[in-house]
C-alpha atoms as a PDB file:
ATOM      1  CA  MET A   1      12.815  37.856   3.114  1.00  0.00           C
ATOM      2  CA  THR A   2      14.098  34.338   3.563  1.00  0.00           C
ATOM      3  CA  ALA A   3      10.626  33.049   4.407  1.00  0.00           C
ATOM      4  CA  HIS A   4       9.164  34.840   1.404  1.00  0.00           C
ATOM      5  CA  SER A   5      11.782  33.282  -0.896  1.00  0.00           C
ATOM      6  CA  THR A   6      11.049  29.813   0.495  1.00  0.00           C
ATOM      7  CA  GLN A   7       7.343  30.194  -0.168  1.00  0.00           C
ATOM      8  CA  ARG A   8       7.979  31.328  -3.726  1.00  0.00           C
ATOM      9  CA  GLY A   9      10.251  28.337  -4.307  1.00  0.00           C
ATOM     10  CA  ALA A  10       7.624  25.936  -2.948  1.00  0.00           C
ATOM     11  CA  ALA A  11       5.013  27.431  -5.265  1.00  0.00           C
ATOM     12  CA  ASN A  12       7.318  26.964  -8.237  1.00  0.00           C
ATOM     13  CA  VAL A  13       7.779  23.280  -7.367  1.00  0.00           C
ATOM     14  CA  GLU A  14       4.025  22.760  -7.174  1.00  0.00           C
ATOM     15  CA  THR A  15       3.285  24.481 -10.484  1.00  0.00           C
ATOM     16  CA  ALA A  16       6.189  23.059 -12.477  1.00  0.00           C
ATOM     17  CA  GLN A  17       5.369  20.464 -15.107  1.00  0.00           C
ATOM     18  CA  PRO A  18       5.927  17.075 -13.424  1.00  0.00           C
ATOM     19  CA  SER A  19       8.694  14.905 -14.827  1.00  0.00           C
ATOM     20  CA  LEU A  20       8.028  11.740 -16.785  1.00  0.00           C
ATOM     21  CA  VAL A  21       8.847   8.819 -14.483  1.00  0.00           C
ATOM     22  CA  ALA A  22       8.546   5.047 -14.340  1.00  0.00           C
ATOM     23  CA  SER A  23       6.570   3.158 -11.695  1.00  0.00           C
ATOM     24  CA  VAL A  24       6.933  -0.453 -10.589  1.00  0.00           C
ATOM     25  CA  GLU A  25       4.266  -1.861  -8.303  1.00  0.00           C
ATOM     26  CA  ALA A  26       5.910  -5.092  -7.179  1.00  0.00           C
ATOM     27  CA  GLY A  27       3.199  -7.217  -5.625  1.00  0.00           C
ATOM     28  CA  GLY A  28       3.389 -10.698  -4.242  1.00  0.00           C
ATOM     29  CA  THR A  29       0.996 -11.929  -6.946  1.00  0.00           C
ATOM     30  CA  LYS A  30       1.686  -9.606  -9.871  1.00  0.00           C
ATOM     31  CA  PHE A  31       3.791  -6.682 -11.039  1.00  0.00           C
ATOM     32  CA  VAL A  32       2.228  -3.573 -12.573  1.00  0.00           C
ATOM     33  CA  CYS A  33       4.526  -1.141 -14.395  1.00  0.00           C
ATOM     34  CA  ALA A  34       3.744   2.268 -15.843  1.00  0.00           C
ATOM     35  CA  ILE A  35       5.328   5.371 -17.319  1.00  0.00           C
ATOM     36  CA  GLY A  36       3.679   8.733 -16.768  1.00  0.00           C
ATOM     37  CA  THR A  37       3.465  11.849 -14.637  1.00  0.00           C
ATOM     38  CA  GLY A  38       0.279  11.238 -12.630  1.00  0.00           C
ATOM     39  CA  PRO A  39      -3.234   9.760 -12.717  1.00  0.00           C
ATOM     40  CA  ASP A  40      -4.289  11.873 -15.715  1.00  0.00           C
ATOM     41  CA  ASP A  41      -1.117  11.196 -17.689  1.00  0.00           C
ATOM     42  CA  VAL A  42      -0.174   7.519 -17.741  1.00  0.00           C
ATOM     43  CA  ARG A  43       1.440   6.897 -21.112  1.00  0.00           C
ATOM     44  CA  THR A  44       1.774   3.116 -20.982  1.00  0.00           C
ATOM     45  CA  THR A  45       1.256   0.226 -18.572  1.00  0.00           C
ATOM     46  CA  THR A  46       1.853  -3.500 -18.375  1.00  0.00           C
ATOM     47  CA  SER A  47       1.282  -6.255 -15.829  1.00  0.00           C
ATOM     48  CA  PHE A  48       2.559  -9.777 -15.384  1.00  0.00           C
ATOM     49  CA  ALA A  49       2.601 -12.522 -12.785  1.00  0.00           C
ATOM     50  CA  THR A  50       5.208 -12.397 -10.034  1.00  0.00           C
ATOM     51  CA  THR A  51       7.549 -15.325 -10.561  1.00  0.00           C
ATOM     52  CA  SER A  52      11.237 -15.424  -9.642  1.00  0.00           C
ATOM     53  CA  PRO A  53      13.113 -12.237  -8.707  1.00  0.00           C
ATOM     54  CA  GLU A  54      15.311 -12.466 -11.771  1.00  0.00           C
ATOM     55  CA  GLU A  55      12.406 -12.910 -14.178  1.00  0.00           C
ATOM     56  CA  SER A  56      10.019 -10.397 -12.615  1.00  0.00           C
ATOM     57  CA  LEU A  57      12.548  -7.609 -12.035  1.00  0.00           C
ATOM     58  CA  GLY A  58      14.046  -8.318 -15.462  1.00  0.00           C
ATOM     59  CA  GLN A  59      10.637  -7.886 -17.103  1.00  0.00           C
ATOM     60  CA  ALA A  60      10.138  -4.570 -15.316  1.00  0.00           C
ATOM     61  CA  VAL A  61      13.555  -3.276 -16.418  1.00  0.00           C
ATOM     62  CA  ALA A  62      12.903  -4.440 -19.990  1.00  0.00           C
ATOM     63  CA  PHE A  63       9.534  -2.648 -20.050  1.00  0.00           C
ATOM     64  CA  ILE A  64      11.162   0.670 -19.168  1.00  0.00           C
ATOM     65  CA  GLN A  65      14.047   0.120 -21.594  1.00  0.00           C
ATOM     66  CA  GLU A  66      11.670  -0.698 -24.434  1.00  0.00           C
ATOM     67  CA  HIS A  67       9.799   2.567 -23.979  1.00  0.00           C
ATOM     68  CA  GLN A  68      12.935   4.622 -23.538  1.00  0.00           C
ATOM     69  CA  ARG A  69      14.011   3.400 -26.967  1.00  0.00           C
ATOM     70  CA  ILE A  70      10.887   4.987 -28.446  1.00  0.00           C
ATOM     71  CA  GLY A  71      11.385   8.305 -26.667  1.00  0.00           C
ATOM     72  CA  LEU A  72       9.828   7.947 -23.216  1.00  0.00           C
ATOM     73  CA  GLU A  73      12.912   8.967 -21.236  1.00  0.00           C
ATOM     74  CA  VAL A  74      12.275   8.770 -17.489  1.00  0.00           C
ATOM     75  CA  ALA A  75      13.786  11.059 -14.870  1.00  0.00           C
ATOM     76  CA  ALA A  76      13.350   8.606 -11.984  1.00  0.00           C
ATOM     77  CA  VAL A  77      11.897   5.221 -11.045  1.00  0.00           C
ATOM     78  CA  GLY A  78       9.531   4.637  -8.131  1.00  0.00           C
ATOM     79  CA  ILE A  79       9.125   1.157  -6.669  1.00  0.00           C
ATOM     80  CA  ALA A  80       6.167   0.306  -4.423  1.00  0.00           C
ATOM     81  CA  CYS A  81       7.067  -3.194  -3.272  1.00  0.00           C
ATOM     82  CA  PHE A  82       5.725  -5.957  -1.085  1.00  0.00           C
ATOM     83  CA  GLY A  83       7.810  -6.539   1.996  1.00  0.00           C
ATOM     84  CA  PRO A  84       9.148  -6.590   4.550  1.00  0.00           C
ATOM     85  CA  LEU A  85      11.822  -4.230   3.188  1.00  0.00           C
ATOM     86  CA  ASP A  86      15.007  -2.677   4.502  1.00  0.00           C
ATOM     87  CA  LEU A  87      14.303   1.033   3.958  1.00  0.00           C
ATOM     88  CA  ARG A  88      17.178   2.464   6.015  1.00  0.00           C
ATOM     89  CA  GLU A  89      19.377   4.183   3.451  1.00  0.00           C
ATOM     90  CA  GLU A  90      22.446   3.892   5.697  1.00  0.00           C
ATOM     91  CA  SER A  91      22.013   0.103   5.947  1.00  0.00           C
ATOM     92  CA  PRO A  92      24.273  -2.241   3.937  1.00  0.00           C
ATOM     93  CA  THR A  93      21.146  -4.179   2.958  1.00  0.00           C
ATOM     94  CA  TYR A  94      19.070  -1.132   1.941  1.00  0.00           C
ATOM     95  CA  GLY A  95      16.605  -1.952  -0.809  1.00  0.00           C
ATOM     96  CA  ARG A  96      16.373  -5.650   0.000  1.00  0.00           C
ATOM     97  CA  ILE A  97      13.317  -7.718   0.834  1.00  0.00           C
ATOM     98  CA  THR A  98      13.887  -9.243   4.274  1.00  0.00           C
ATOM     99  CA  SER A  99      11.793 -11.821   6.144  1.00  0.00           C
ATOM    100  CA  THR A 100       9.163 -12.495   3.500  1.00  0.00           C
ATOM    101  CA  PRO A 101       7.462 -15.894   3.441  1.00  0.00           C
ATOM    102  CA  LYS A 102       7.340 -15.668  -0.386  1.00  0.00           C
ATOM    103  CA  PRO A 103       9.611 -18.439  -1.693  1.00  0.00           C
ATOM    104  CA  GLY A 104      12.772 -17.267  -3.430  1.00  0.00           C
ATOM    105  CA  TRP A 105      12.406 -13.552  -2.631  1.00  0.00           C
ATOM    106  CA  ARG A 106      14.154 -13.245   0.724  1.00  0.00           C
ATOM    107  CA  ASP A 107      17.285 -11.018   0.503  1.00  0.00           C
ATOM    108  CA  THR A 108      16.349  -9.852  -3.008  1.00  0.00           C
ATOM    109  CA  ASP A 109      17.731  -6.400  -3.878  1.00  0.00           C
ATOM    110  CA  VAL A 110      14.849  -4.689  -5.686  1.00  0.00           C
ATOM    111  CA  VAL A 111      16.633  -1.361  -6.184  1.00  0.00           C
ATOM    112  CA  ALA A 112      19.957  -2.336  -7.799  1.00  0.00           C
ATOM    113  CA  PRO A 113      18.518  -3.647 -11.108  1.00  0.00           C
ATOM    114  CA  PHE A 114      17.006  -0.202 -11.787  1.00  0.00           C
ATOM    115  CA  THR A 115      19.923   1.945 -10.620  1.00  0.00           C
ATOM    116  CA  ASP A 116      22.271  -0.250 -12.664  1.00  0.00           C
ATOM    117  CA  ALA A 117      20.103  -0.104 -15.790  1.00  0.00           C
ATOM    118  CA  PHE A 118      19.097   3.562 -15.811  1.00  0.00           C
ATOM    119  CA  GLY A 119      21.373   5.656 -13.608  1.00  0.00           C
ATOM    120  CA  VAL A 120      18.476   7.806 -12.393  1.00  0.00           C
ATOM    121  CA  PRO A 121      17.120   8.331  -8.867  1.00  0.00           C
ATOM    122  CA  VAL A 122      15.148   5.336  -7.591  1.00  0.00           C
ATOM    123  CA  GLY A 123      12.539   5.781  -4.852  1.00  0.00           C
ATOM    124  CA  LEU A 124      11.522   2.745  -2.819  1.00  0.00           C
ATOM    125  CA  ASP A 125       8.836   2.130  -0.234  1.00  0.00           C
ATOM    126  CA  THR A 126       6.293  -0.502   0.665  1.00  0.00           C
ATOM    127  CA  ASP A 127       3.382  -1.031  -1.688  1.00  0.00           C
ATOM    128  CA  VAL A 128       0.963   0.184   0.978  1.00  0.00           C
ATOM    129  CA  ASN A 129       2.997   3.300   1.776  1.00  0.00           C
ATOM    130  CA  GLY A 130       3.043   4.005  -1.946  1.00  0.00           C
ATOM    131  CA  ALA A 131      -0.723   3.617  -2.130  1.00  0.00           C
ATOM    132  CA  ALA A 132      -1.141   5.853   0.928  1.00  0.00           C
ATOM    133  CA  LEU A 133       0.999   8.494  -0.766  1.00  0.00           C
ATOM    134  CA  ALA A 134      -0.989   8.302  -4.014  1.00  0.00           C
ATOM    135  CA  GLU A 135      -4.341   8.482  -2.226  1.00  0.00           C
ATOM    136  CA  SER A 136      -3.078  11.444  -0.193  1.00  0.00           C
ATOM    137  CA  GLN A 137      -1.934  13.241  -3.311  1.00  0.00           C
ATOM    138  CA  TRP A 138      -4.681  12.402  -5.788  1.00  0.00           C
ATOM    139  CA  GLY A 139      -7.380  10.299  -4.119  1.00  0.00           C
ATOM    140  CA  ALA A 140      -9.496   9.779  -1.021  1.00  0.00           C
ATOM    141  CA  GLY A 141      -6.903  11.327   1.301  1.00  0.00           C
ATOM    142  CA  GLN A 142      -6.497  14.695  -0.415  1.00  0.00           C
ATOM    143  CA  GLY A 143      -6.256  17.477   2.154  1.00  0.00           C
ATOM    144  CA  LEU A 144      -6.258  15.011   5.061  1.00  0.00           C
ATOM    145  CA  ASP A 145      -3.459  14.042   7.452  1.00  0.00           C
ATOM    146  CA  PRO A 146      -2.844  11.467   8.849  1.00  0.00           C
ATOM    147  CA  VAL A 147      -4.039   9.041   6.159  1.00  0.00           C
ATOM    148  CA  VAL A 148      -3.884   5.245   6.457  1.00  0.00           C
ATOM    149  CA  TYR A 149      -4.191   2.858   3.527  1.00  0.00           C
ATOM    150  CA  VAL A 150      -4.917  -0.825   4.261  1.00  0.00           C
ATOM    151  CA  THR A 151      -4.726  -3.565   1.656  1.00  0.00           C
ATOM    152  CA  VAL A 152      -6.283  -6.993   2.148  1.00  0.00           C
ATOM    153  CA  GLY A 153      -5.258  -9.546  -0.438  1.00  0.00           C
ATOM    154  CA  THR A 154      -2.478 -12.130  -0.624  1.00  0.00           C
ATOM    155  CA  GLY A 155      -1.307 -10.500   2.606  1.00  0.00           C
ATOM    156  CA  ILE A 156      -2.534  -7.684   4.809  1.00  0.00           C
ATOM    157  CA  GLY A 157      -0.530  -4.491   5.093  1.00  0.00           C
ATOM    158  CA  ALA A 158      -1.041  -0.839   5.861  1.00  0.00           C
ATOM    159  CA  GLY A 159       0.812   2.346   5.058  1.00  0.00           C
ATOM    160  CA  ALA A 160       0.505   5.674   6.804  1.00  0.00           C
ATOM    161  CA  MET A 161       1.040   9.299   5.837  1.00  0.00           C
ATOM    162  CA  VAL A 162       1.665  11.306   9.026  1.00  0.00           C
ATOM    163  CA  ASN A 163       2.572  15.017   9.109  1.00  0.00           C
ATOM    164  CA  GLY A 164       3.214  14.916   5.370  1.00  0.00           C
ATOM    165  CA  GLY A 165       5.688  12.021   5.569  1.00  0.00           C
ATOM    166  CA  LEU A 166       5.459   8.285   5.049  1.00  0.00           C
ATOM    167  CA  LEU A 167       5.718   6.510   8.376  1.00  0.00           C
ATOM    168  CA  HIS A 168       8.957   4.630   8.994  1.00  0.00           C
ATOM    169  CA  GLY A 169      10.668   3.720  12.231  1.00  0.00           C
ATOM    170  CA  LEU A 170      12.693   0.767  13.440  1.00  0.00           C
ATOM    171  CA  VAL A 171      11.487  -0.837  10.193  1.00  0.00           C
ATOM    172  CA  HIS A 172       8.190   0.118   8.572  1.00  0.00           C
ATOM    173  CA  PRO A 173       4.643  -0.491   9.792  1.00  0.00           C
ATOM    174  CA  GLU A 174       3.616  -4.165   9.767  1.00  0.00           C
ATOM    175  CA  MET A 175       0.005  -3.681  10.720  1.00  0.00           C
ATOM    176  CA  GLY A 176      -1.111  -6.928   9.121  1.00  0.00           C
ATOM    177  CA  HIS A 177       0.655  -8.908  11.828  1.00  0.00           C
ATOM    178  CA  VAL A 178      -1.025  -7.361  14.860  1.00  0.00           C
ATOM    179  CA  PRO A 179      -2.723  -9.848  17.196  1.00  0.00           C
ATOM    180  CA  VAL A 180      -6.512  -9.797  17.162  1.00  0.00           C
ATOM    181  CA  ARG A 181      -9.271 -11.221  19.331  1.00  0.00           C
ATOM    182  CA  ARG A 182     -10.442 -14.474  17.803  1.00  0.00           C
ATOM    183  CA  HIS A 183     -14.129 -14.723  16.947  1.00  0.00           C
ATOM    184  CA  PRO A 184     -15.770 -17.113  19.432  1.00  0.00           C
ATOM    185  CA  ASP A 185     -17.148 -19.243  16.591  1.00  0.00           C
ATOM    186  CA  ASP A 186     -13.941 -19.386  14.549  1.00  0.00           C
ATOM    187  CA  PRO A 187     -11.806 -22.513  15.151  1.00  0.00           C
ATOM    188  CA  PHE A 188      -9.465 -21.752  12.211  1.00  0.00           C
ATOM    189  CA  GLU A 189      -5.819 -21.846  13.290  1.00  0.00           C
ATOM    190  CA  GLY A 190      -4.526 -19.229  10.840  1.00  0.00           C
ATOM    191  CA  VAL A 191      -2.039 -19.357   7.974  1.00  0.00           C
ATOM    192  CA  CYS A 192       0.727 -16.933   8.992  1.00  0.00           C
ATOM    193  CA  PRO A 193       4.006 -18.924   9.130  1.00  0.00           C
ATOM    194  CA  TYR A 194       5.309 -16.584  11.837  1.00  0.00           C
ATOM    195  CA  HIS A 195       2.306 -16.023  14.106  1.00  0.00           C
ATOM    196  CA  GLY A 196      -0.498 -18.354  13.041  1.00  0.00           C
ATOM    197  CA  ASP A 197      -3.570 -16.386  14.039  1.00  0.00           C
ATOM    198  CA  CYS A 198      -2.455 -12.772  13.646  1.00  0.00           C
ATOM    199  CA  LEU A 199      -4.647 -10.519  11.497  1.00  0.00           C
ATOM    200  CA  GLU A 200      -3.023 -11.666   8.245  1.00  0.00           C
ATOM    201  CA  GLY A 201      -3.194 -15.272   9.369  1.00  0.00           C
ATOM    202  CA  LEU A 202      -6.943 -15.047   9.917  1.00  0.00           C
ATOM    203  CA  ALA A 203      -8.234 -12.532   7.354  1.00  0.00           C
ATOM    204  CA  SER A 204      -5.977 -12.507   4.259  1.00  0.00           C
ATOM    205  CA  GLY A 205      -6.970 -14.041   0.929  1.00  0.00           C
ATOM    206  CA  PRO A 206      -5.025 -17.273   1.638  1.00  0.00           C
ATOM    207  CA  ALA A 207      -6.739 -17.486   5.043  1.00  0.00           C
ATOM    208  CA  ILE A 208     -10.141 -17.293   3.368  1.00  0.00           C
ATOM    209  CA  GLU A 209      -9.167 -20.012   0.906  1.00  0.00           C
ATOM    210  CA  ALA A 210      -7.760 -22.283   3.617  1.00  0.00           C
ATOM    211  CA  ARG A 211     -10.736 -21.779   5.945  1.00  0.00           C
ATOM    212  CA  TRP A 212     -13.481 -22.263   3.356  1.00  0.00           C
ATOM    213  CA  GLN A 213     -11.631 -24.302   0.724  1.00  0.00           C
ATOM    214  CA  ARG A 214     -12.670 -21.690  -1.832  1.00  0.00           C
ATOM    215  CA  VAL A 215     -11.130 -18.456  -3.068  1.00  0.00           C
ATOM    216  CA  ALA A 216     -12.827 -15.241  -1.975  1.00  0.00           C
ATOM    217  CA  ARG A 217     -14.560 -14.619  -5.320  1.00  0.00           C
ATOM    218  CA  ASP A 218     -16.158 -18.102  -5.263  1.00  0.00           C
ATOM    219  CA  LEU A 219     -17.447 -18.500  -1.702  1.00  0.00           C
ATOM    220  CA  GLY A 220     -21.009 -19.306  -2.707  1.00  0.00           C
ATOM    221  CA  PRO A 221     -23.269 -19.974   0.296  1.00  0.00           C
ATOM    222  CA  GLU A 222     -20.410 -19.277   2.708  1.00  0.00           C
ATOM    223  CA  ARG A 223     -20.037 -15.675   1.556  1.00  0.00           C
ATOM    224  CA  ASP A 224     -22.180 -14.004   4.225  1.00  0.00           C
ATOM    225  CA  ARG A 225     -20.414 -15.881   7.012  1.00  0.00           C
ATOM    226  CA  ALA A 226     -17.014 -15.063   5.480  1.00  0.00           C
ATOM    227  CA  VAL A 227     -17.913 -11.367   5.237  1.00  0.00           C
ATOM    228  CA  ALA A 228     -18.975 -11.324   8.893  1.00  0.00           C
ATOM    229  CA  LEU A 229     -15.695 -12.920  10.010  1.00  0.00           C
ATOM    230  CA  GLU A 230     -13.599 -10.619   7.836  1.00  0.00           C
ATOM    231  CA  ALA A 231     -15.384  -7.587   9.250  1.00  0.00           C
ATOM    232  CA  TRP A 232     -14.876  -8.859  12.814  1.00  0.00           C
ATOM    233  CA  TYR A 233     -11.102  -9.031  12.319  1.00  0.00           C
ATOM    234  CA  LEU A 234     -10.558  -6.015  10.055  1.00  0.00           C
ATOM    235  CA  ALA A 235     -12.639  -3.728  12.269  1.00  0.00           C
ATOM    236  CA  GLN A 236     -10.240  -4.516  15.113  1.00  0.00           C
ATOM    237  CA  LEU A 237      -7.439  -3.100  12.979  1.00  0.00           C
ATOM    238  CA  ALA A 238      -9.519  -0.053  12.015  1.00  0.00           C
ATOM    239  CA  SER A 239     -10.434   0.758  15.613  1.00  0.00           C
ATOM    240  CA  THR A 240      -6.830   0.270  16.763  1.00  0.00           C
ATOM    241  CA  LEU A 241      -5.624   2.641  14.036  1.00  0.00           C
ATOM    242  CA  ALA A 242      -8.254   5.178  15.082  1.00  0.00           C
ATOM    243  CA  TYR A 243      -6.921   5.142  18.637  1.00  0.00           C
ATOM    244  CA  VAL A 244      -3.177   4.895  17.941  1.00  0.00           C
ATOM    245  CA  LEU A 245      -2.614   7.097  14.853  1.00  0.00           C
ATOM    246  CA  SER A 246      -5.852   9.128  14.884  1.00  0.00           C
ATOM    247  CA  PRO A 247      -6.045   9.247  11.069  1.00  0.00           C
ATOM    248  CA  GLU A 248      -8.517  11.530   9.355  1.00  0.00           C
ATOM    249  CA  VAL A 249      -9.428   8.721   6.960  1.00  0.00           C
ATOM    250  CA  ILE A 250      -8.800   4.954   6.743  1.00  0.00           C
ATOM    251  CA  ILE A 251      -8.807   3.570   3.204  1.00  0.00           C
ATOM    252  CA  PHE A 252      -9.400  -0.147   2.647  1.00  0.00           C
ATOM    253  CA  GLY A 253      -8.312  -1.665  -0.674  1.00  0.00           C
ATOM    254  CA  GLY A 254      -7.102  -4.968  -2.091  1.00  0.00           C
ATOM    255  CA  GLY A 255      -8.761  -7.932  -3.744  1.00  0.00           C
ATOM    256  CA  VAL A 256     -10.589  -9.230  -0.663  1.00  0.00           C
ATOM    257  CA  LEU A 257     -12.403  -5.875  -0.330  1.00  0.00           C
ATOM    258  CA  LYS A 258     -14.204  -6.719  -3.553  1.00  0.00           C
ATOM    259  CA  LEU A 259     -16.351  -9.143  -1.570  1.00  0.00           C
ATOM    260  CA  PRO A 260     -19.877  -7.667  -1.801  1.00  0.00           C
ATOM    261  CA  GLY A 261     -20.880  -6.003   1.440  1.00  0.00           C
ATOM    262  CA  LEU A 262     -17.486  -6.240   3.143  1.00  0.00           C
ATOM    263  CA  LEU A 263     -16.657  -2.533   3.333  1.00  0.00           C
ATOM    264  CA  VAL A 264     -20.082  -1.727   4.776  1.00  0.00           C
ATOM    265  CA  ALA A 265     -19.669  -4.562   7.290  1.00  0.00           C
ATOM    266  CA  ILE A 266     -16.247  -3.207   8.364  1.00  0.00           C
ATOM    267  CA  GLN A 267     -17.760   0.253   8.816  1.00  0.00           C
ATOM    268  CA  ALA A 268     -20.579  -1.108  10.988  1.00  0.00           C
ATOM    269  CA  GLU A 269     -18.315  -3.337  13.081  1.00  0.00           C
ATOM    270  CA  THR A 270     -15.830  -0.510  13.623  1.00  0.00           C
ATOM    271  CA  ALA A 271     -18.597   1.830  14.763  1.00  0.00           C
ATOM    272  CA  THR A 272     -19.664  -0.851  17.259  1.00  0.00           C
ATOM    273  CA  LEU A 273     -16.118  -1.203  18.597  1.00  0.00           C
ATOM    274  CA  LEU A 274     -15.555   2.551  18.878  1.00  0.00           C
ATOM    275  CA  ASN A 275     -18.924   2.851  20.651  1.00  0.00           C
ATOM    276  CA  GLY A 276     -18.990   6.635  20.315  1.00  0.00           C
ATOM    277  CA  TYR A 277     -15.754   7.126  22.274  1.00  0.00           C
ATOM    278  CA  LEU A 278     -13.882   9.208  19.692  1.00  0.00           C
ATOM    279  CA  ASP A 279     -15.009  12.830  19.954  1.00  0.00           C
ATOM    280  CA  ALA A 280     -15.092  13.383  16.191  1.00  0.00           C
ATOM    281  CA  ALA A 281     -18.261  13.553  14.152  1.00  0.00           C
ATOM    282  CA  VAL A 282     -16.794  11.641  11.217  1.00  0.00           C
ATOM    283  CA  ALA A 283     -16.061   8.636  13.452  1.00  0.00           C
ATOM    284  CA  ARG A 284     -19.278   8.893  15.495  1.00  0.00           C
ATOM    285  CA  GLU A 285     -21.869   9.806  12.905  1.00  0.00           C
ATOM    286  CA  HIS A 286     -20.362   9.380   9.430  1.00  0.00           C
ATOM    287  CA  ILE A 287     -18.377   6.162   9.603  1.00  0.00           C
ATOM    288  CA  ASP A 288     -18.938   5.695   5.851  1.00  0.00           C
ATOM    289  CA  GLN A 289     -16.822   8.826   5.304  1.00  0.00           C
ATOM    290  CA  TYR A 290     -14.145   7.701   7.768  1.00  0.00           C
ATOM    291  CA  ILE A 291     -13.590   4.165   6.456  1.00  0.00           C
ATOM    292  CA  VAL A 292     -13.682   4.329   2.671  1.00  0.00           C
ATOM    293  CA  ALA A 293     -12.659   2.611  -0.552  1.00  0.00           C
ATOM    294  CA  PRO A 294      -9.653   3.880  -2.534  1.00  0.00           C
ATOM    295  CA  GLN A 295     -10.667   6.703  -4.837  1.00  0.00           C
ATOM    296  CA  LEU A 296      -7.905   5.589  -7.213  1.00  0.00           C
ATOM    297  CA  GLY A 297      -9.221   2.022  -7.196  1.00  0.00           C
ATOM    298  CA  ASP A 298      -6.791  -0.643  -8.337  1.00  0.00           C
ATOM    299  CA  ARG A 299      -4.397   2.062  -9.590  1.00  0.00           C
ATOM    300  CA  ALA A 300      -3.406   3.263  -6.112  1.00  0.00           C
ATOM    301  CA  GLY A 301      -0.288   1.092  -5.977  1.00  0.00           C
ATOM    302  CA  VAL A 302       1.130   1.873  -9.395  1.00  0.00           C
ATOM    303  CA  LEU A 303       0.325   5.573  -8.998  1.00  0.00           C
ATOM    304  CA  GLY A 304       2.135   5.317  -5.686  1.00  0.00           C
ATOM    305  CA  GLY A 305       5.245   4.360  -7.623  1.00  0.00           C
ATOM    306  CA  ILE A 306       4.881   7.507  -9.729  1.00  0.00           C
ATOM    307  CA  ALA A 307       4.499   9.612  -6.586  1.00  0.00           C
ATOM    308  CA  LEU A 308       7.561   7.957  -5.010  1.00  0.00           C
ATOM    309  CA  ALA A 309       9.612   8.726  -8.112  1.00  0.00           C
ATOM    310  CA  HIS A 310       8.581  12.386  -7.973  1.00  0.00           C
ATOM    311  CA  ARG A 311       9.540  12.533  -4.294  1.00  0.00           C
ATOM    312  CA  GLN A 312      12.910  11.042  -5.077  1.00  0.00           C
ATOM    313  CA  ILE A 313      13.520  13.753  -7.656  1.00  0.00           C
ATOM    314  CA  ARG A 314      12.644  16.375  -5.055  1.00  0.00           C
ATOM    315  CA  GLY A 315      15.102  14.857  -2.590  1.00  0.00           C
ATOM    316  CA  SER A 316      12.657  12.808  -0.511  1.00  0.00           C
ATOM    317  CA  GLU A 317      11.405  15.771   1.541  1.00  0.00           C
ATOM    318  CA  GLY A 318       9.032  14.872   4.288  1.00  0.00           C
ATOM    319  CA  TYR A 319       9.985  11.238   4.799  1.00  0.00           C
ATOM    320  CA  LYS A 320       9.669   9.806   8.278  1.00  0.00           C
END
């Protein structure tokens, strides 16, 4: 009888009308804020450049307050934030950005401004874990587990949904800082202030700009060479993830992935690295279904904030 009651309760949670919540996607380049219940019900959005912590977090709080005054009362706030973050709720520095290279943001408490302003539950996770959660719930990862979401932009990061929970541990995954084998024809030293030529140091948006003296969208005649180098490095991450976490899908998003031909090049390079070793048809024969673009597109991060807020309301079940 107990099991039967639990199943009925779970069904009621799934079929209940989702609460109206606020989402803050706090990126290193820009903030995106929204109020809604899910991808088919986003009532209002805004975006603005990431500046100082006081200005950017203040703008996000003001956005929510403005819409509460006109009747959009939110039951929770979800924050999908760039990191690194302290996500240990028992820690005295929970909710703070830690060793970020972004000037002015180290030790910033990104949770307190929202708990102080609204007095509602506030869910926090990395921007990539938020995107992984959204893609698992509404996008390219539906019905799959584990799911990994990788973003390649101002930095490189990855979030993972494993056994229904977002992957945490000693800290949270920092997959953008894994060491990679340097391409034999790449003399670039890397831009990571901590490691130099880690994955982020060699393949992020700033690395592209520093190597080629052009931003990714304006590479001109260097584009094909840049795509080949990006695929060389990013496929090393994809193949490592395939071996270590054994995800059922790897989703690549972020601004750099808008380079024409890059996703296809990552798929091909990953297939070469795996060399048929994984005994799974999707990895051996259908690599284009294993390494994919986000189904939610550029909305994965902000929808991740909505999903985090809903999880916070439900008591954060399933977190790892």
